[in-house]
Amino acid sequence: MSGGAFSFSYPACRLVCGSQAALDAARARFDAMEPDDVRLAESSGWAARRTTLAAEESVAGVGTFRGRERRTITFAPSERPGWWIRRTDQPEQLDTAVDIANLWTSARNLVLRSGSPHNYLRMVEHIIALKGGLGLDDVVIKTNSGDPPLFDESSTPLVEAVRRAGIVETAADATYVTVKEPLAFSGRRGSFLLFIPDDGSRRLRLDVAISWNTIIGDQRVVFDVTPETFAYGAFARTNATHRQYLLAKTVGLLFADTRNLGYDKDNILIHGRRWYGTPRFPIEGTGKFLEPVWHRATLDLLAALSLTGPDRFVGTVVSYRAGHTDDCDAVRALYRNGLLSKA
C-alpha cells in the first residue's frame, strides 16, 4: 500500500532520557519523511483469550554463529504464562523467561540468559518477535544450543512452523500493558523512540523510519501489527554492509560477537553506498527496496516490545534511527520507572 495518501502526527511527549534539543531536531527530520508503505487494520486479529500451540513443531537451519553446523529449535505448547527458552543440553538449568529482566546484552543482537552463563540463546530477536507479531502468548522454545538457526527466508520458516503447530486459545483472558502517558526517549546519533498510550483498541501500531548514508537511504513504514502484517515483514533479512560481511568472514572470526559464520549472500542483505545485493520489498517504479526498514520494524523493534513477559504490549510506538540498544533501554526504563499500566 502506498504511503503518499497518509499523514501521521503525534503529541508532545514527556522526555524520559536524552536531550530535548536533540529530540526536537530529530523529530523535525522524521516529520519531513513521507511514509513509503502504510498498512492499517481495523483490529489486531489477536485472540481475546491467551493462546498457545496445539502441538510441537521443529525447524532447522544452518547455525548463525557456527556456519556449517545445523541447528534446530522446537516450538512447544506451554501451560505457564509467557514464552520460555529451554536449553535441552543443560537439563540442570531452569527455563529462561522471555522477559526484559533476562536480557544479557543488546550490543549487536539480543541475548537472553538466566542461571548459568552458559544457559543463553543468542540473536533471539528473530524468534521472540513472533510473540507480539502473531499474538502468541504461551510457548516453550526448545533448543540444544545457544546458536539459533539462520534461514534464506529470514523468519518466515518460523512463522510457518507456528502455523503448522496451530495456535489455539486457552481458558485465560489475554493481558495487556501500555504506557501511562506519551513518552519520549532520545538516543545517540539523532535517534528517538516515542511511546503513545493505547486508545482502547488494544492494538499495536508501529511507525518506523531509518536513515542510512548508503543506498538504503531514508525509509519509513507505518502499520498495525497483525498476523498478516507480521508475516509479510518476517521475510525481511538482516542487512550488512559489504565491509561488515567481509569482517564476519575474516578478522571477525577471532571474536565471538562477530563470528557470524552462517552468513552468506542469500540469508542476509548485503549493500554498499550505491548498490544492493539481492534486495526484497520493492516499491514499484522508484528503485527503492524496503527490506531494511521492514526488518527493523518487525524483527528488531517488535522483539524488544515482546520482552513484556506474559503481557501483550499495545499502543503506538514511533522509532527513528533507533537500534537494539535504544529499544531495550527504553523498555527497561518503562519498567524501572513504573511507566506501564494494564490496558
C-alpha atoms as a PDB file:
ATOM      1  CA  MET A   1       0.000   0.000   0.000  1.00  0.00           C
ATOM      2  CA  SER A   2       1.464   3.368  -0.949  1.00  0.00           C
ATOM      3  CA  GLY A   3       2.155   5.860   1.827  1.00  0.00           C
ATOM      4  CA  GLY A   4       1.551   9.028  -0.173  1.00  0.00           C
ATOM      5  CA  ALA A   5      -2.111   9.464   0.848  1.00  0.00           C
ATOM      6  CA  PHE A   6      -1.456   9.271   4.597  1.00  0.00           C
ATOM      7  CA  SER A   7      -0.231  11.747   7.180  1.00  0.00           C
ATOM      8  CA  PHE A   8       0.552  10.965  10.800  1.00  0.00           C
ATOM      9  CA  SER A   9       1.164  13.315  13.725  1.00  0.00           C
ATOM     10  CA  TYR A  10       1.969  12.562  17.344  1.00  0.00           C
ATOM     11  CA  PRO A  11       1.525  14.528  20.585  1.00  0.00           C
ATOM     12  CA  ALA A  12       4.232  16.166  22.613  1.00  0.00           C
ATOM     13  CA  CYS A  13       5.831  13.508  24.784  1.00  0.00           C
ATOM     14  CA  ARG A  14       7.460  13.729  28.183  1.00  0.00           C
ATOM     15  CA  LEU A  15      11.191  13.145  27.773  1.00  0.00           C
ATOM     16  CA  VAL A  16      12.360  10.233  29.907  1.00  0.00           C
ATOM     17  CA  CYS A  17      16.023  10.331  28.906  1.00  0.00           C
ATOM     18  CA  GLY A  18      18.306  12.115  26.469  1.00  0.00           C
ATOM     19  CA  SER A  19      18.431  15.638  25.124  1.00  0.00           C
ATOM     20  CA  GLN A  20      15.283  17.665  24.389  1.00  0.00           C
ATOM     21  CA  ALA A  21      17.132  19.691  21.749  1.00  0.00           C
ATOM     22  CA  ALA A  22      18.327  16.523  20.026  1.00  0.00           C
ATOM     23  CA  LEU A  23      14.821  15.082  20.175  1.00  0.00           C
ATOM     24  CA  ASP A  24      13.276  18.204  18.645  1.00  0.00           C
ATOM     25  CA  ALA A  25      15.806  18.216  15.808  1.00  0.00           C
ATOM     26  CA  ALA A  26      15.321  14.503  15.125  1.00  0.00           C
ATOM     27  CA  ARG A  27      11.521  14.809  15.179  1.00  0.00           C
ATOM     28  CA  ALA A  28      11.738  17.590  12.578  1.00  0.00           C
ATOM     29  CA  ARG A  29      13.764  15.307  10.287  1.00  0.00           C
ATOM     30  CA  PHE A  30      11.353  12.447  10.902  1.00  0.00           C
ATOM     31  CA  ASP A  31       8.271  14.601  10.211  1.00  0.00           C
ATOM     32  CA  ALA A  32       9.752  15.598   6.852  1.00  0.00           C
ATOM     33  CA  MET A  33       9.812  11.950   5.726  1.00  0.00           C
ATOM     34  CA  GLU A  34       6.784  10.633   3.853  1.00  0.00           C
ATOM     35  CA  PRO A  35       5.756   7.038   4.643  1.00  0.00           C
ATOM     36  CA  ASP A  36       6.805   4.627   1.887  1.00  0.00           C
ATOM     37  CA  ASP A  37       4.311   1.940   2.902  1.00  0.00           C
ATOM     38  CA  VAL A  38       1.186   2.121   5.096  1.00  0.00           C
ATOM     39  CA  ARG A  39      -0.761  -0.963   6.211  1.00  0.00           C
ATOM     40  CA  LEU A  40      -3.554  -0.244   8.686  1.00  0.00           C
ATOM     41  CA  ALA A  41      -6.140  -2.637  10.084  1.00  0.00           C
ATOM     42  CA  GLU A  42      -9.462  -2.381  11.898  1.00  0.00           C
ATOM     43  CA  SER A  43      -8.295  -4.796  14.609  1.00  0.00           C
ATOM     44  CA  SER A  44      -5.185  -6.642  15.717  1.00  0.00           C
ATOM     45  CA  GLY A  45      -6.518 -10.033  14.682  1.00  0.00           C
ATOM     46  CA  TRP A  46      -5.318 -11.415  18.013  1.00  0.00           C
ATOM     47  CA  ALA A  47      -7.498 -13.763  20.052  1.00  0.00           C
ATOM     48  CA  ALA A  48      -9.247 -12.311  23.117  1.00  0.00           C
ATOM     49  CA  ARG A  49      -8.008 -15.188  25.256  1.00  0.00           C
ATOM     50  CA  ARG A  50      -4.444 -16.291  25.875  1.00  0.00           C
ATOM     51  CA  THR A  51      -3.035 -18.532  23.187  1.00  0.00           C
ATOM     52  CA  THR A  52      -0.611 -21.407  22.983  1.00  0.00           C
ATOM     53  CA  LEU A  53       0.180 -24.126  20.438  1.00  0.00           C
ATOM     54  CA  ALA A  54      -1.796 -27.243  19.648  1.00  0.00           C
ATOM     55  CA  ALA A  55       1.331 -29.328  19.059  1.00  0.00           C
ATOM     56  CA  GLU A  56       5.120 -29.202  18.855  1.00  0.00           C
ATOM     57  CA  GLU A  57       6.811 -28.185  15.617  1.00  0.00           C
ATOM     58  CA  SER A  58      10.525 -28.008  14.786  1.00  0.00           C
ATOM     59  CA  VAL A  59      12.519 -26.085  12.222  1.00  0.00           C
ATOM     60  CA  ALA A  60      16.225 -26.390  11.352  1.00  0.00           C
ATOM     61  CA  GLY A  61      18.790 -24.299   9.550  1.00  0.00           C
ATOM     62  CA  VAL A  62      22.482 -23.521   9.375  1.00  0.00           C
ATOM     63  CA  GLY A  63      23.890 -22.168  12.634  1.00  0.00           C
ATOM     64  CA  THR A  64      24.075 -18.384  12.748  1.00  0.00           C
ATOM     65  CA  PHE A  65      27.423 -18.348  14.533  1.00  0.00           C
ATOM     66  CA  ARG A  66      28.810 -21.802  13.764  1.00  0.00           C
ATOM     67  CA  GLY A  67      28.371 -21.899   9.996  1.00  0.00           C
ATOM     68  CA  ARG A  68      28.084 -25.424   8.662  1.00  0.00           C
ATOM     69  CA  GLU A  69      26.610 -26.969  11.808  1.00  0.00           C
ATOM     70  CA  ARG A  70      22.838 -27.409  11.648  1.00  0.00           C
ATOM     71  CA  ARG A  71      20.705 -26.035  14.458  1.00  0.00           C
ATOM     72  CA  THR A  72      17.132 -26.890  15.405  1.00  0.00           C
ATOM     73  CA  ILE A  73      14.565 -25.094  17.509  1.00  0.00           C
ATOM     74  CA  THR A  74      11.206 -26.510  18.533  1.00  0.00           C
ATOM     75  CA  PHE A  75       8.079 -24.532  19.367  1.00  0.00           C
ATOM     76  CA  ALA A  76       6.050 -26.354  22.035  1.00  0.00           C
ATOM     77  CA  PRO A  77       2.833 -25.674  23.985  1.00  0.00           C
ATOM     78  CA  SER A  78       3.136 -24.233  27.492  1.00  0.00           C
ATOM     79  CA  GLU A  79       0.780 -24.173  30.453  1.00  0.00           C
ATOM     80  CA  ARG A  80       2.765 -21.354  32.054  1.00  0.00           C
ATOM     81  CA  PRO A  81       2.071 -17.758  31.010  1.00  0.00           C
ATOM     82  CA  GLY A  82       4.695 -16.261  28.731  1.00  0.00           C
ATOM     83  CA  TRP A  83       7.481 -17.508  26.487  1.00  0.00           C
ATOM     84  CA  TRP A  84      10.244 -19.750  27.874  1.00  0.00           C
ATOM     85  CA  ILE A  85      13.601 -20.863  26.449  1.00  0.00           C
ATOM     86  CA  ARG A  86      14.674 -24.398  27.343  1.00  0.00           C
ATOM     87  CA  ARG A  87      18.253 -25.498  26.647  1.00  0.00           C
ATOM     88  CA  THR A  88      17.807 -29.267  26.347  1.00  0.00           C
ATOM     89  CA  ASP A  89      21.589 -29.737  26.513  1.00  0.00           C
ATOM     90  CA  GLN A  90      21.563 -28.213  30.006  1.00  0.00           C
ATOM     91  CA  PRO A  91      18.832 -30.143  31.843  1.00  0.00           C
ATOM     92  CA  GLU A  92      20.087 -28.921  35.233  1.00  0.00           C
ATOM     93  CA  GLN A  93      19.162 -25.331  34.342  1.00  0.00           C
ATOM     94  CA  LEU A  94      15.725 -23.741  34.654  1.00  0.00           C
ATOM     95  CA  ASP A  95      13.914 -22.351  31.628  1.00  0.00           C
ATOM     96  CA  THR A  96      14.688 -18.712  30.801  1.00  0.00           C
ATOM     97  CA  ALA A  97      11.659 -16.443  30.690  1.00  0.00           C
ATOM     98  CA  VAL A  98      11.452 -14.175  27.659  1.00  0.00           C
ATOM     99  CA  ASP A  99      11.433 -11.000  29.706  1.00  0.00           C
ATOM    100  CA  ILE A 100      13.417  -7.762  29.777  1.00  0.00           C
ATOM    101  CA  ALA A 101      14.777  -8.855  33.184  1.00  0.00           C
ATOM    102  CA  ASN A 102      16.685 -11.696  31.478  1.00  0.00           C
ATOM    103  CA  LEU A 103      18.254  -9.630  28.711  1.00  0.00           C
ATOM    104  CA  TRP A 104      22.009 -10.223  28.909  1.00  0.00           C
ATOM    105  CA  THR A 105      23.123  -7.898  26.112  1.00  0.00           C
ATOM    106  CA  SER A 106      21.751  -5.934  23.174  1.00  0.00           C
ATOM    107  CA  ALA A 107      25.079  -4.704  21.781  1.00  0.00           C
ATOM    108  CA  ARG A 108      24.903  -6.488  18.400  1.00  0.00           C
ATOM    109  CA  ASN A 109      21.889  -8.741  18.896  1.00  0.00           C
ATOM    110  CA  LEU A 110      19.608  -9.713  21.743  1.00  0.00           C
ATOM    111  CA  VAL A 111      20.905 -12.429  24.068  1.00  0.00           C
ATOM    112  CA  LEU A 112      18.660 -13.832  26.792  1.00  0.00           C
ATOM    113  CA  ARG A 113      20.186 -15.719  29.715  1.00  0.00           C
ATOM    114  CA  SER A 114      19.354 -16.916  33.226  1.00  0.00           C
ATOM    115  CA  GLY A 115      21.166 -19.039  35.786  1.00  0.00           C
ATOM    116  CA  SER A 116      24.433 -20.362  34.413  1.00  0.00           C
ATOM    117  CA  PRO A 117      26.378 -18.119  31.987  1.00  0.00           C
ATOM    118  CA  HIS A 118      26.029 -20.995  29.512  1.00  0.00           C
ATOM    119  CA  ASN A 119      22.225 -21.014  29.716  1.00  0.00           C
ATOM    120  CA  TYR A 120      21.656 -18.453  26.939  1.00  0.00           C
ATOM    121  CA  LEU A 121      20.245 -18.053  23.435  1.00  0.00           C
ATOM    122  CA  ARG A 122      21.786 -15.545  21.036  1.00  0.00           C
ATOM    123  CA  MET A 123      20.082 -13.442  18.372  1.00  0.00           C
ATOM    124  CA  VAL A 124      16.690 -14.227  19.886  1.00  0.00           C
ATOM    125  CA  GLU A 125      15.044 -11.172  18.311  1.00  0.00           C
ATOM    126  CA  HIS A 126      14.161 -13.032  15.118  1.00  0.00           C
ATOM    127  CA  ILE A 127      12.406 -15.700  17.205  1.00  0.00           C
ATOM    128  CA  ILE A 128      10.671 -13.845  20.030  1.00  0.00           C
ATOM    129  CA  ALA A 129       9.248 -11.236  17.653  1.00  0.00           C
ATOM    130  CA  LEU A 130       6.633 -13.895  16.854  1.00  0.00           C
ATOM    131  CA  LYS A 131       5.181 -13.383  20.354  1.00  0.00           C
ATOM    132  CA  GLY A 132       3.959  -9.891  19.565  1.00  0.00           C
ATOM    133  CA  GLY A 133       3.590 -10.355  15.833  1.00  0.00           C
ATOM    134  CA  LEU A 134       1.282 -13.357  15.978  1.00  0.00           C
ATOM    135  CA  GLY A 135      -0.418 -12.699  19.313  1.00  0.00           C
ATOM    136  CA  LEU A 136       1.084 -15.952  20.606  1.00  0.00           C
ATOM    137  CA  ASP A 137       1.225 -15.839  24.396  1.00  0.00           C
ATOM    138  CA  ASP A 138       2.437 -19.093  25.961  1.00  0.00           C
ATOM    139  CA  VAL A 139       5.251 -21.098  24.350  1.00  0.00           C
ATOM    140  CA  VAL A 140       8.339 -23.131  25.191  1.00  0.00           C
ATOM    141  CA  ILE A 141      11.246 -22.784  22.765  1.00  0.00           C
ATOM    142  CA  LYS A 142      13.402 -25.903  22.923  1.00  0.00           C
ATOM    143  CA  THR A 143      16.976 -25.806  21.656  1.00  0.00           C
ATOM    144  CA  ASN A 144      20.157 -27.780  22.286  1.00  0.00           C
ATOM    145  CA  SER A 145      22.425 -24.824  21.544  1.00  0.00           C
ATOM    146  CA  GLY A 146      22.786 -21.116  22.202  1.00  0.00           C
ATOM    147  CA  ASP A 147      23.276 -20.650  18.455  1.00  0.00           C
ATOM    148  CA  PRO A 148      19.952 -20.208  16.590  1.00  0.00           C
ATOM    149  CA  PRO A 149      19.330 -21.364  13.008  1.00  0.00           C
ATOM    150  CA  LEU A 150      19.559 -18.959  10.092  1.00  0.00           C
ATOM    151  CA  PHE A 151      17.310 -19.037   7.020  1.00  0.00           C
ATOM    152  CA  ASP A 152      17.368 -17.613   3.494  1.00  0.00           C
ATOM    153  CA  GLU A 153      13.751 -16.541   4.103  1.00  0.00           C
ATOM    154  CA  SER A 154      14.594 -14.737   7.364  1.00  0.00           C
ATOM    155  CA  SER A 155      11.924 -15.604   9.986  1.00  0.00           C
ATOM    156  CA  THR A 156       9.319 -16.904   7.522  1.00  0.00           C
ATOM    157  CA  PRO A 157      10.171 -20.568   8.327  1.00  0.00           C
ATOM    158  CA  LEU A 158       9.474 -19.826  11.998  1.00  0.00           C
ATOM    159  CA  VAL A 159       6.084 -18.333  11.162  1.00  0.00           C
ATOM    160  CA  GLU A 160       5.293 -21.375   9.038  1.00  0.00           C
ATOM    161  CA  ALA A 161       6.332 -23.736  11.855  1.00  0.00           C
ATOM    162  CA  VAL A 162       3.961 -21.989  14.277  1.00  0.00           C
ATOM    163  CA  ARG A 163       1.169 -22.183  11.734  1.00  0.00           C
ATOM    164  CA  ARG A 164       1.775 -25.921  11.291  1.00  0.00           C
ATOM    165  CA  ALA A 165       1.696 -26.387  15.072  1.00  0.00           C
ATOM    166  CA  GLY A 166      -1.577 -24.421  15.243  1.00  0.00           C
ATOM    167  CA  ILE A 167      -2.381 -21.500  17.531  1.00  0.00           C
ATOM    168  CA  VAL A 168      -5.169 -22.346  19.995  1.00  0.00           C
ATOM    169  CA  GLU A 169      -6.935 -20.362  22.719  1.00  0.00           C
ATOM    170  CA  THR A 170      -6.766 -21.255  26.400  1.00  0.00           C
ATOM    171  CA  ALA A 171      -9.327 -20.568  29.115  1.00  0.00           C
ATOM    172  CA  ALA A 172      -7.478 -17.484  30.431  1.00  0.00           C
ATOM    173  CA  ASP A 173      -8.078 -13.937  29.228  1.00  0.00           C
ATOM    174  CA  ALA A 174      -5.214 -12.200  27.433  1.00  0.00           C
ATOM    175  CA  THR A 175      -3.434  -9.472  29.408  1.00  0.00           C
ATOM    176  CA  TYR A 176      -2.166  -6.167  28.009  1.00  0.00           C
ATOM    177  CA  VAL A 177       0.167  -3.352  29.043  1.00  0.00           C
ATOM    178  CA  THR A 178       0.611   0.149  27.679  1.00  0.00           C
ATOM    179  CA  VAL A 179       2.365   3.352  28.719  1.00  0.00           C
ATOM    180  CA  LYS A 180       0.591   5.659  31.163  1.00  0.00           C
ATOM    181  CA  GLU A 181       1.289   8.804  29.124  1.00  0.00           C
ATOM    182  CA  PRO A 182       3.086   9.844  25.901  1.00  0.00           C
ATOM    183  CA  LEU A 183       6.811   9.299  26.475  1.00  0.00           C
ATOM    184  CA  ALA A 184       9.973  10.024  24.510  1.00  0.00           C
ATOM    185  CA  PHE A 185      13.466   8.527  24.581  1.00  0.00           C
ATOM    186  CA  SER A 186      16.190  10.471  22.782  1.00  0.00           C
ATOM    187  CA  GLY A 187      19.185   8.363  21.816  1.00  0.00           C
ATOM    188  CA  ARG A 188      22.560   8.696  20.213  1.00  0.00           C
ATOM    189  CA  ARG A 189      23.167   9.746  16.603  1.00  0.00           C
ATOM    190  CA  GLY A 190      19.832  11.554  16.317  1.00  0.00           C
ATOM    191  CA  SER A 191      17.646   8.572  17.176  1.00  0.00           C
ATOM    192  CA  PHE A 192      14.451   8.562  19.211  1.00  0.00           C
ATOM    193  CA  LEU A 193      11.541   6.407  20.316  1.00  0.00           C
ATOM    194  CA  LEU A 194       8.038   7.646  21.158  1.00  0.00           C
ATOM    195  CA  PHE A 195       5.518   5.591  23.140  1.00  0.00           C
ATOM    196  CA  ILE A 196       1.846   6.629  22.886  1.00  0.00           C
ATOM    197  CA  PRO A 197      -0.794   5.008  25.161  1.00  0.00           C
ATOM    198  CA  ASP A 198      -3.358   2.557  23.838  1.00  0.00           C
ATOM    199  CA  ASP A 199      -6.571   4.258  22.693  1.00  0.00           C
ATOM    200  CA  GLY A 200      -8.778   1.443  23.950  1.00  0.00           C
ATOM    201  CA  SER A 201      -8.462  -0.665  20.811  1.00  0.00           C
ATOM    202  CA  ARG A 202      -5.816  -2.970  22.338  1.00  0.00           C
ATOM    203  CA  ARG A 203      -3.837  -2.752  19.156  1.00  0.00           C
ATOM    204  CA  LEU A 204      -0.154  -2.075  18.444  1.00  0.00           C
ATOM    205  CA  ARG A 205       0.780   0.413  15.707  1.00  0.00           C
ATOM    206  CA  LEU A 206       4.398   0.899  14.620  1.00  0.00           C
ATOM    207  CA  ASP A 207       5.726   3.906  12.727  1.00  0.00           C
ATOM    208  CA  VAL A 208       9.346   3.119  11.916  1.00  0.00           C
ATOM    209  CA  ALA A 209      11.894   5.118   9.944  1.00  0.00           C
ATOM    210  CA  ILE A 210      15.561   4.544   9.210  1.00  0.00           C
ATOM    211  CA  SER A 211      18.166   6.784   7.623  1.00  0.00           C
ATOM    212  CA  TRP A 212      21.435   5.386   6.254  1.00  0.00           C
ATOM    213  CA  ASN A 213      24.235   7.014   4.293  1.00  0.00           C
ATOM    214  CA  THR A 214      24.293   4.036   1.927  1.00  0.00           C
ATOM    215  CA  ILE A 215      21.936   3.088  -0.892  1.00  0.00           C
ATOM    216  CA  ILE A 216      19.368   2.235   1.809  1.00  0.00           C
ATOM    217  CA  GLY A 217      18.848   5.953   2.441  1.00  0.00           C
ATOM    218  CA  ASP A 218      15.610   7.100   4.118  1.00  0.00           C
ATOM    219  CA  GLN A 219      12.806   4.552   4.563  1.00  0.00           C
ATOM    220  CA  ARG A 220       9.584   4.677   6.589  1.00  0.00           C
ATOM    221  CA  VAL A 221       6.716   2.233   7.128  1.00  0.00           C
ATOM    222  CA  VAL A 222       3.564   2.572   9.238  1.00  0.00           C
ATOM    223  CA  PHE A 223       1.481  -0.483  10.072  1.00  0.00           C
ATOM    224  CA  ASP A 224      -0.811  -2.085  12.593  1.00  0.00           C
ATOM    225  CA  VAL A 225       0.705  -5.283  13.928  1.00  0.00           C
ATOM    226  CA  THR A 226      -1.452  -8.210  12.854  1.00  0.00           C
ATOM    227  CA  PRO A 227      -0.540 -11.803  11.983  1.00  0.00           C
ATOM    228  CA  GLU A 228      -0.755 -10.750   8.321  1.00  0.00           C
ATOM    229  CA  THR A 229       1.499  -7.697   8.502  1.00  0.00           C
ATOM    230  CA  PHE A 230       3.968  -9.561  10.690  1.00  0.00           C
ATOM    231  CA  ALA A 231       4.154 -12.496   8.283  1.00  0.00           C
ATOM    232  CA  TYR A 232       4.753 -10.009   5.468  1.00  0.00           C
ATOM    233  CA  GLY A 233       7.650  -8.330   7.280  1.00  0.00           C
ATOM    234  CA  ALA A 234       9.133 -11.587   8.595  1.00  0.00           C
ATOM    235  CA  PHE A 235      10.555 -12.248   5.109  1.00  0.00           C
ATOM    236  CA  ALA A 236      12.968  -9.298   5.526  1.00  0.00           C
ATOM    237  CA  ARG A 237      16.560 -10.332   6.214  1.00  0.00           C
ATOM    238  CA  THR A 238      19.234  -8.791   8.393  1.00  0.00           C
ATOM    239  CA  ASN A 239      21.275  -6.304   6.396  1.00  0.00           C
ATOM    240  CA  ALA A 240      25.025  -5.749   6.498  1.00  0.00           C
ATOM    241  CA  THR A 241      27.413  -3.547   4.624  1.00  0.00           C
ATOM    242  CA  HIS A 242      29.919  -5.297   2.398  1.00  0.00           C
ATOM    243  CA  ARG A 243      32.606  -4.309   4.891  1.00  0.00           C
ATOM    244  CA  GLN A 244      30.684  -5.908   7.782  1.00  0.00           C
ATOM    245  CA  TYR A 245      30.199  -9.072   5.723  1.00  0.00           C
ATOM    246  CA  LEU A 246      33.931  -9.319   4.989  1.00  0.00           C
ATOM    247  CA  LEU A 247      34.684  -8.705   8.671  1.00  0.00           C
ATOM    248  CA  ALA A 248      32.481 -11.653   9.685  1.00  0.00           C
ATOM    249  CA  LYS A 249      34.345 -13.884   7.247  1.00  0.00           C
ATOM    250  CA  THR A 250      37.896 -12.747   8.111  1.00  0.00           C
ATOM    251  CA  VAL A 251      39.070 -10.817  11.176  1.00  0.00           C
ATOM    252  CA  GLY A 252      35.662 -11.281  12.785  1.00  0.00           C
ATOM    253  CA  LEU A 253      36.387 -14.982  13.190  1.00  0.00           C
ATOM    254  CA  LEU A 254      38.542 -14.068  16.184  1.00  0.00           C
ATOM    255  CA  PHE A 255      35.667 -12.540  18.162  1.00  0.00           C
ATOM    256  CA  ALA A 256      32.533 -14.326  19.339  1.00  0.00           C
ATOM    257  CA  ASP A 257      30.184 -11.390  18.776  1.00  0.00           C
ATOM    258  CA  THR A 258      31.189 -11.002  15.104  1.00  0.00           C
ATOM    259  CA  ARG A 259      31.742 -14.672  14.250  1.00  0.00           C
ATOM    260  CA  ASN A 260      28.627 -14.917  12.093  1.00  0.00           C
ATOM    261  CA  LEU A 261      29.840 -17.911  10.107  1.00  0.00           C
ATOM    262  CA  GLY A 262      26.373 -18.751   8.849  1.00  0.00           C
ATOM    263  CA  TYR A 263      26.065 -15.504   6.895  1.00  0.00           C
ATOM    264  CA  ASP A 264      26.034 -15.823   3.119  1.00  0.00           C
ATOM    265  CA  LYS A 265      24.777 -13.760   0.198  1.00  0.00           C
ATOM    266  CA  ASP A 266      21.344 -15.399   0.358  1.00  0.00           C
ATOM    267  CA  ASN A 267      20.419 -15.164   4.037  1.00  0.00           C
ATOM    268  CA  ILE A 268      21.448 -11.521   4.598  1.00  0.00           C
ATOM    269  CA  LEU A 269      21.057  -8.370   2.513  1.00  0.00           C
ATOM    270  CA  ILE A 270      24.498  -7.055   1.597  1.00  0.00           C
ATOM    271  CA  HIS A 271      24.708  -3.441   0.475  1.00  0.00           C
ATOM    272  CA  GLY A 272      27.144  -0.646  -0.249  1.00  0.00           C
ATOM    273  CA  ARG A 273      26.943   3.090  -0.771  1.00  0.00           C
ATOM    274  CA  ARG A 274      25.464   2.763  -4.259  1.00  0.00           C
ATOM    275  CA  TRP A 275      24.441  -0.870  -4.698  1.00  0.00           C
ATOM    276  CA  TYR A 276      22.337  -3.689  -3.242  1.00  0.00           C
ATOM    277  CA  GLY A 277      22.997  -7.405  -3.325  1.00  0.00           C
ATOM    278  CA  THR A 278      19.625  -9.131  -3.779  1.00  0.00           C
ATOM    279  CA  PRO A 279      17.049  -6.787  -2.199  1.00  0.00           C
ATOM    280  CA  ARG A 280      13.384  -7.556  -1.465  1.00  0.00           C
ATOM    281  CA  PHE A 281      10.239  -5.454  -0.849  1.00  0.00           C
ATOM    282  CA  PRO A 282      10.472  -3.203  -3.929  1.00  0.00           C
ATOM    283  CA  ILE A 283       8.428  -0.025  -4.301  1.00  0.00           C
ATOM    284  CA  GLU A 284       7.385  -0.211  -7.923  1.00  0.00           C
ATOM    285  CA  GLY A 285       8.720   2.496 -10.188  1.00  0.00           C
ATOM    286  CA  THR A 286      11.060   4.009  -7.600  1.00  0.00           C
ATOM    287  CA  GLY A 287      14.090   1.730  -7.474  1.00  0.00           C
ATOM    288  CA  LYS A 288      13.602   1.673  -3.706  1.00  0.00           C
ATOM    289  CA  PHE A 289      13.600  -1.527  -1.645  1.00  0.00           C
ATOM    290  CA  LEU A 290      12.100  -1.535   1.860  1.00  0.00           C
ATOM    291  CA  GLU A 291      13.629  -4.733   3.175  1.00  0.00           C
ATOM    292  CA  PRO A 292      15.857  -2.935   5.753  1.00  0.00           C
ATOM    293  CA  VAL A 293      13.025  -0.952   7.353  1.00  0.00           C
ATOM    294  CA  TRP A 294      10.639  -3.916   7.410  1.00  0.00           C
ATOM    295  CA  HIS A 295      13.300  -5.984   9.150  1.00  0.00           C
ATOM    296  CA  ARG A 296      13.950  -3.192  11.616  1.00  0.00           C
ATOM    297  CA  ALA A 297      10.244  -2.877  12.431  1.00  0.00           C
ATOM    298  CA  THR A 298       9.052  -6.470  12.579  1.00  0.00           C
ATOM    299  CA  LEU A 299      12.095  -8.437  13.708  1.00  0.00           C
ATOM    300  CA  ASP A 300      14.053  -5.886  15.782  1.00  0.00           C
ATOM    301  CA  LEU A 301      11.684  -3.361  17.374  1.00  0.00           C
ATOM    302  CA  LEU A 302       8.831  -5.818  17.808  1.00  0.00           C
ATOM    303  CA  ALA A 303      11.214  -8.248  19.513  1.00  0.00           C
ATOM    304  CA  ALA A 304      12.047  -5.665  22.188  1.00  0.00           C
ATOM    305  CA  LEU A 305       8.335  -4.965  22.668  1.00  0.00           C
ATOM    306  CA  SER A 306       7.846  -8.716  23.144  1.00  0.00           C
ATOM    307  CA  LEU A 307      10.036  -8.620  26.271  1.00  0.00           C
ATOM    308  CA  THR A 308       6.979  -7.718  28.370  1.00  0.00           C
ATOM    309  CA  GLY A 309       6.713 -11.153  29.957  1.00  0.00           C
ATOM    310  CA  PRO A 310       3.231 -12.668  29.696  1.00  0.00           C
ATOM    311  CA  ASP A 311       1.578  -9.372  28.690  1.00  0.00           C
ATOM    312  CA  ARG A 312       0.895  -8.051  25.182  1.00  0.00           C
ATOM    313  CA  PHE A 313       2.218  -4.547  24.561  1.00  0.00           C
ATOM    314  CA  VAL A 314      -0.331  -2.191  22.940  1.00  0.00           C
ATOM    315  CA  GLY A 315      -0.401   1.446  21.893  1.00  0.00           C
ATOM    316  CA  THR A 316       1.699   3.258  19.287  1.00  0.00           C
ATOM    317  CA  VAL A 317       5.484   3.188  19.051  1.00  0.00           C
ATOM    318  CA  VAL A 318       7.398   5.548  16.787  1.00  0.00           C
ATOM    319  CA  SER A 319      11.027   4.784  16.001  1.00  0.00           C
ATOM    320  CA  TYR A 320      13.533   6.937  14.120  1.00  0.00           C
ATOM    321  CA  ARG A 321      17.104   5.743  13.502  1.00  0.00           C
ATOM    322  CA  ALA A 322      16.944   3.614  16.668  1.00  0.00           C
ATOM    323  CA  GLY A 323      18.534   0.192  17.176  1.00  0.00           C
ATOM    324  CA  HIS A 324      18.578  -2.771  19.545  1.00  0.00           C
ATOM    325  CA  THR A 325      20.111  -0.948  22.490  1.00  0.00           C
ATOM    326  CA  ASP A 326      17.783   2.051  22.153  1.00  0.00           C
ATOM    327  CA  ASP A 327      14.780  -0.300  22.088  1.00  0.00           C
ATOM    328  CA  CYS A 328      15.814  -2.376  25.067  1.00  0.00           C
ATOM    329  CA  ASP A 329      16.993   0.574  27.167  1.00  0.00           C
ATOM    330  CA  ALA A 330      13.565   2.154  26.633  1.00  0.00           C
ATOM    331  CA  VAL A 331      11.621  -0.996  27.569  1.00  0.00           C
ATOM    332  CA  ARG A 332      13.802  -1.455  30.647  1.00  0.00           C
ATOM    333  CA  ALA A 333      13.203   2.179  31.644  1.00  0.00           C
ATOM    334  CA  LEU A 334       9.441   1.713  31.329  1.00  0.00           C
ATOM    335  CA  TYR A 335       9.566  -0.986  33.981  1.00  0.00           C
ATOM    336  CA  ARG A 336      12.227   0.631  36.151  1.00  0.00           C
ATOM    337  CA  ASN A 337      10.291   3.892  36.393  1.00  0.00           C
ATOM    338  CA  GLY A 338       6.805   2.423  36.743  1.00  0.00           C
ATOM    339  CA  LEU A 339       5.604   3.900  33.441  1.00  0.00           C
ATOM    340  CA  LEU A 340       3.387   0.977  32.363  1.00  0.00           C
ATOM    341  CA  SER A 341      -0.163   0.149  33.295  1.00  0.00           C
ATOM    342  CA  LYS A 342      -2.610  -2.597  32.413  1.00  0.00           C
ATOM    343  CA  ALA A 343      -4.664  -1.843  29.306  1.00  0.00           C
END
